[in-house]
C-alpha atoms as a PDB file:
ATOM      1  CA  MET A   1      10.221  18.799  10.862  1.00  0.00           C
ATOM      2  CA  SER A   2      11.508  21.616   8.875  1.00  0.00           C
ATOM      3  CA  GLY A   3      14.691  20.980   7.063  1.00  0.00           C
ATOM      4  CA  GLU A   4      14.851  17.253   7.955  1.00  0.00           C
ATOM      5  CA  PRO A   5      17.118  15.558   5.366  1.00  0.00           C
ATOM      6  CA  ILE A   6      15.540  12.819   3.252  1.00  0.00           C
ATOM      7  CA  LEU A   7      16.885  10.816   0.343  1.00  0.00           C
ATOM      8  CA  ILE A   8      14.508   9.287  -2.180  1.00  0.00           C
ATOM      9  CA  VAL A   9      15.863   6.345  -4.237  1.00  0.00           C
ATOM     10  CA  ASP A  10      13.630   5.426  -7.159  1.00  0.00           C
ATOM     11  CA  ASP A  11      14.336   4.590 -10.816  1.00  0.00           C
ATOM     12  CA  ASN A  12      10.992   6.046 -11.960  1.00  0.00           C
ATOM     13  CA  ALA A  13      11.530   9.738 -12.778  1.00  0.00           C
ATOM     14  CA  THR A  14       7.784  10.571 -12.211  1.00  0.00           C
ATOM     15  CA  ASN A  15       7.839   9.062  -8.710  1.00  0.00           C
ATOM     16  CA  LEU A  16      11.071  10.857  -7.852  1.00  0.00           C
ATOM     17  CA  LYS A  17       9.695  14.214  -8.935  1.00  0.00           C
ATOM     18  CA  LEU A  18       6.299  13.646  -7.168  1.00  0.00           C
ATOM     19  CA  VAL A  19       7.731  12.613  -3.894  1.00  0.00           C
ATOM     20  CA  ARG A  20      10.470  15.294  -4.020  1.00  0.00           C
ATOM     21  CA  ILE A  21       7.885  18.064  -4.602  1.00  0.00           C
ATOM     22  CA  LEU A  22       5.499  16.714  -1.899  1.00  0.00           C
ATOM     23  CA  LEU A  23       8.154  16.571   0.799  1.00  0.00           C
ATOM     24  CA  ALA A  24      10.072  19.697  -0.293  1.00  0.00           C
ATOM     25  CA  SER A  25       6.783  21.629  -0.015  1.00  0.00           C
ATOM     26  CA  GLU A  26       6.550  20.347   3.593  1.00  0.00           C
ATOM     27  CA  GLY A  27       9.986  21.856   4.361  1.00  0.00           C
ATOM     28  CA  TYR A  28      12.122  18.703   4.114  1.00  0.00           C
ATOM     29  CA  ASP A  29      15.683  18.911   2.669  1.00  0.00           C
ATOM     30  CA  VAL A  30      15.245  16.309  -0.178  1.00  0.00           C
ATOM     31  CA  ARG A  31      17.837  14.675  -2.404  1.00  0.00           C
ATOM     32  CA  THR A  32      17.048  12.103  -5.084  1.00  0.00           C
ATOM     33  CA  ALA A  33      18.832   9.160  -6.681  1.00  0.00           C
ATOM     34  CA  ALA A  34      17.797   7.038  -9.596  1.00  0.00           C
ATOM     35  CA  ASP A  35      19.723   3.905  -8.509  1.00  0.00           C
ATOM     36  CA  ALA A  36      21.852   2.367  -5.831  1.00  0.00           C
ATOM     37  CA  GLU A  37      25.183   3.702  -7.194  1.00  0.00           C
ATOM     38  CA  GLU A  38      23.855   7.270  -7.322  1.00  0.00           C
ATOM     39  CA  ALA A  39      22.504   6.895  -3.746  1.00  0.00           C
ATOM     40  CA  LEU A  40      25.855   5.692  -2.513  1.00  0.00           C
ATOM     41  CA  ASN A  41      27.563   8.670  -4.083  1.00  0.00           C
ATOM     42  CA  ILE A  42      25.070  11.137  -2.509  1.00  0.00           C
ATOM     43  CA  LEU A  43      25.497   9.430   0.911  1.00  0.00           C
ATOM     44  CA  LYS A  44      29.244  10.472   0.798  1.00  0.00           C
ATOM     45  CA  GLU A  45      28.181  14.148   1.294  1.00  0.00           C
ATOM     46  CA  PHE A  46      24.595  14.035   2.536  1.00  0.00           C
ATOM     47  CA  TYR A  47      23.451  12.286   5.715  1.00  0.00           C
ATOM     48  CA  PRO A  48      19.666  11.831   5.695  1.00  0.00           C
ATOM     49  CA  ARG A  49      17.472  10.962   8.679  1.00  0.00           C
ATOM     50  CA  MET A  50      15.362   8.910   6.303  1.00  0.00           C
ATOM     51  CA  ILE A  51      15.681   7.056   2.957  1.00  0.00           C
ATOM     52  CA  LEU A  52      12.576   6.271   0.913  1.00  0.00           C
ATOM     53  CA  MET A  53      13.894   3.202  -0.944  1.00  0.00           C
ATOM     54  CA  ASP A  54      12.313   1.725  -4.028  1.00  0.00           C
ATOM     55  CA  ILE A  55      12.633  -1.989  -3.718  1.00  0.00           C
ATOM     56  CA  GLN A  56      12.961  -2.751  -7.409  1.00  0.00           C
ATOM     57  CA  LEU A  57      15.986  -0.858  -8.724  1.00  0.00           C
ATOM     58  CA  PRO A  58      18.121  -1.715 -11.724  1.00  0.00           C
ATOM     59  CA  GLY A  59      21.484  -3.246 -10.842  1.00  0.00           C
ATOM     60  CA  ILE A  60      21.700  -3.364  -7.028  1.00  0.00           C
ATOM     61  CA  ASP A  61      18.108  -3.645  -5.864  1.00  0.00           C
ATOM     62  CA  GLY A  62      16.669  -1.669  -2.894  1.00  0.00           C
ATOM     63  CA  LEU A  63      16.750  -4.577  -0.504  1.00  0.00           C
ATOM     64  CA  GLU A  64      20.463  -5.288  -1.195  1.00  0.00           C
ATOM     65  CA  LEU A  65      21.236  -1.625  -0.799  1.00  0.00           C
ATOM     66  CA  THR A  66      19.241  -1.535   2.400  1.00  0.00           C
ATOM     67  CA  ARG A  67      21.262  -4.567   3.689  1.00  0.00           C
ATOM     68  CA  ARG A  68      24.536  -2.802   2.850  1.00  0.00           C
ATOM     69  CA  LEU A  69      23.485   0.419   4.488  1.00  0.00           C
ATOM     70  CA  LYS A  70      22.320  -1.270   7.695  1.00  0.00           C
ATOM     71  CA  ALA A  71      25.588  -3.315   7.959  1.00  0.00           C
ATOM     72  CA  ASP A  72      27.716  -0.129   7.608  1.00  0.00           C
ATOM     73  CA  PRO A  73      28.281   1.626  10.992  1.00  0.00           C
ATOM     74  CA  ALA A  74      28.355   5.009   9.123  1.00  0.00           C
ATOM     75  CA  THR A  75      24.808   4.580   7.756  1.00  0.00           C
ATOM     76  CA  GLN A  76      23.093   1.934   9.925  1.00  0.00           C
ATOM     77  CA  LYS A  77      21.067   4.441  11.910  1.00  0.00           C
ATOM     78  CA  ILE A  78      19.405   5.989   8.875  1.00  0.00           C
ATOM     79  CA  MET A  79      15.740   5.113   8.898  1.00  0.00           C
ATOM     80  CA  ILE A  80      14.724   3.304   5.634  1.00  0.00           C
ATOM     81  CA  LEU A  81      11.267   2.897   4.335  1.00  0.00           C
ATOM     82  CA  GLY A  82      10.764   0.497   1.451  1.00  0.00           C
ATOM     83  CA  LEU A  83       8.637   1.720  -1.420  1.00  0.00           C
ATOM     84  CA  THR A  84       6.970  -1.146  -3.355  1.00  0.00           C
ATOM     85  CA  ALA A  85       4.304  -1.353  -6.031  1.00  0.00           C
ATOM     86  CA  TYR A  86       3.913  -5.117  -5.643  1.00  0.00           C
ATOM     87  CA  VAL A  87       2.922  -6.115  -2.125  1.00  0.00           C
ATOM     88  CA  MET A  88       2.477  -9.869  -2.259  1.00  0.00           C
ATOM     89  CA  LYS A  89       2.318 -12.417   0.468  1.00  0.00           C
ATOM     90  CA  GLY A  90       5.810 -12.475   2.093  1.00  0.00           C
ATOM     91  CA  ASP A  91       6.948  -9.153   0.693  1.00  0.00           C
ATOM     92  CA  LYS A  92       6.504  -7.303   4.012  1.00  0.00           C
ATOM     93  CA  ASP A  93       8.686 -10.001   5.683  1.00  0.00           C
ATOM     94  CA  ARG A  94      11.335  -9.747   2.947  1.00  0.00           C
ATOM     95  CA  ILE A  95      11.381  -5.895   3.294  1.00  0.00           C
ATOM     96  CA  MET A  96      11.646  -5.917   6.990  1.00  0.00           C
ATOM     97  CA  ALA A  97      14.257  -8.821   7.024  1.00  0.00           C
ATOM     98  CA  ALA A  98      16.483  -6.674   4.701  1.00  0.00           C
ATOM     99  CA  GLY A  99      16.517  -4.029   7.447  1.00  0.00           C
ATOM    100  CA  CYS A 100      13.789  -1.583   6.356  1.00  0.00           C
ATOM    101  CA  ASP A 101      12.088   0.142   9.285  1.00  0.00           C
ATOM    102  CA  GLY A 102       8.753   0.134   7.464  1.00  0.00           C
ATOM    103  CA  TYR A 103       7.338   0.321   3.985  1.00  0.00           C
ATOM    104  CA  ILE A 104       4.939   2.370   1.922  1.00  0.00           C
ATOM    105  CA  PRO A 105       2.943   0.900  -0.966  1.00  0.00           C
ATOM    106  CA  LYS A 106       2.806   2.401  -4.402  1.00  0.00           C
ATOM    107  CA  PRO A 107       1.116   4.203  -5.969  1.00  0.00           C
ATOM    108  CA  ILE A 108       2.081   7.014  -3.589  1.00  0.00           C
ATOM    109  CA  ASP A 109      -0.922   8.598  -1.863  1.00  0.00           C
ATOM    110  CA  THR A 110      -0.179  12.240  -2.168  1.00  0.00           C
ATOM    111  CA  ARG A 111      -2.663  13.110   0.580  1.00  0.00           C
ATOM    112  CA  THR A 112      -1.096  10.945   3.214  1.00  0.00           C
ATOM    113  CA  LEU A 113       2.648  10.649   2.343  1.00  0.00           C
ATOM    114  CA  PRO A 114       3.771  13.778   4.229  1.00  0.00           C
ATOM    115  CA  GLU A 115       1.942  12.638   7.275  1.00  0.00           C
ATOM    116  CA  LEU A 116       3.214   9.216   7.107  1.00  0.00           C
ATOM    117  CA  VAL A 117       6.826  10.399   6.820  1.00  0.00           C
ATOM    118  CA  ALA A 118       6.335  12.801   9.745  1.00  0.00           C
ATOM    119  CA  GLY A 119       4.904   9.916  11.804  1.00  0.00           C
ATOM    120  CA  TYR A 120       7.987   7.792  11.211  1.00  0.00           C
ATOM    121  CA  LEU A 121      10.295  10.699  12.025  1.00  0.00           C
ATOM    122  CA  GLN A 122       8.400  11.829  15.085  1.00  0.00           C
ATOM    123  CA  PRO A 123       9.928   9.308  17.576  1.00  0.00           C
ATOM    124  CA  MET A 124      13.205  10.784  16.600  1.00  0.00           C
ATOM    125  CA  GLU A 125      12.150  14.394  17.090  1.00  0.00           C
ATOM    126  CA  GLY A 126      14.790  16.430  18.724  1.00  0.00           C
ATOM    127  CA  LYS A 127      17.475  13.920  17.878  1.00  0.00           C
ATOM    128  CA  LYS A 128      19.726  14.881  15.009  1.00  0.00           C
ATOM    129  CA  ALA A 129      21.019  12.010  12.946  1.00  0.00           C
ATOM    130  CA  GLU A 130      24.801  12.178  12.674  1.00  0.00           C
ATOM    131  CA  ARG A 131      27.474   9.959  11.318  1.00  0.00           C
ATOM    132  CA  PRO A 132      29.018   7.862  13.954  1.00  0.00           C
END
């Protein structure tokens, strides 16, 4: 999985740093964004295989950003995992209905996150994500 590109979108600076360090130490090529607008700007130059998307972002929330990315032919093949601290009844359905390919509850479990990410990417092993 070395060098696989991943974008982390989270408005919490501590979460961004923690996840960036965890995944970078595993060899992933990691970029971070604090909100949807920053993520959209990064996506103009960086095409990740996966986005770890905080659901509750200021401005455009993570579910709306996911819907936009999945509706755009240029970004619809990027795997998106929702990150949420508040998993309540119906949240999983809302997250999946928005187009997320899965979700990871917060707080982030530092022992299992790299393995979880690798597990989601494994079915795509050998396939390079490219812009259409």
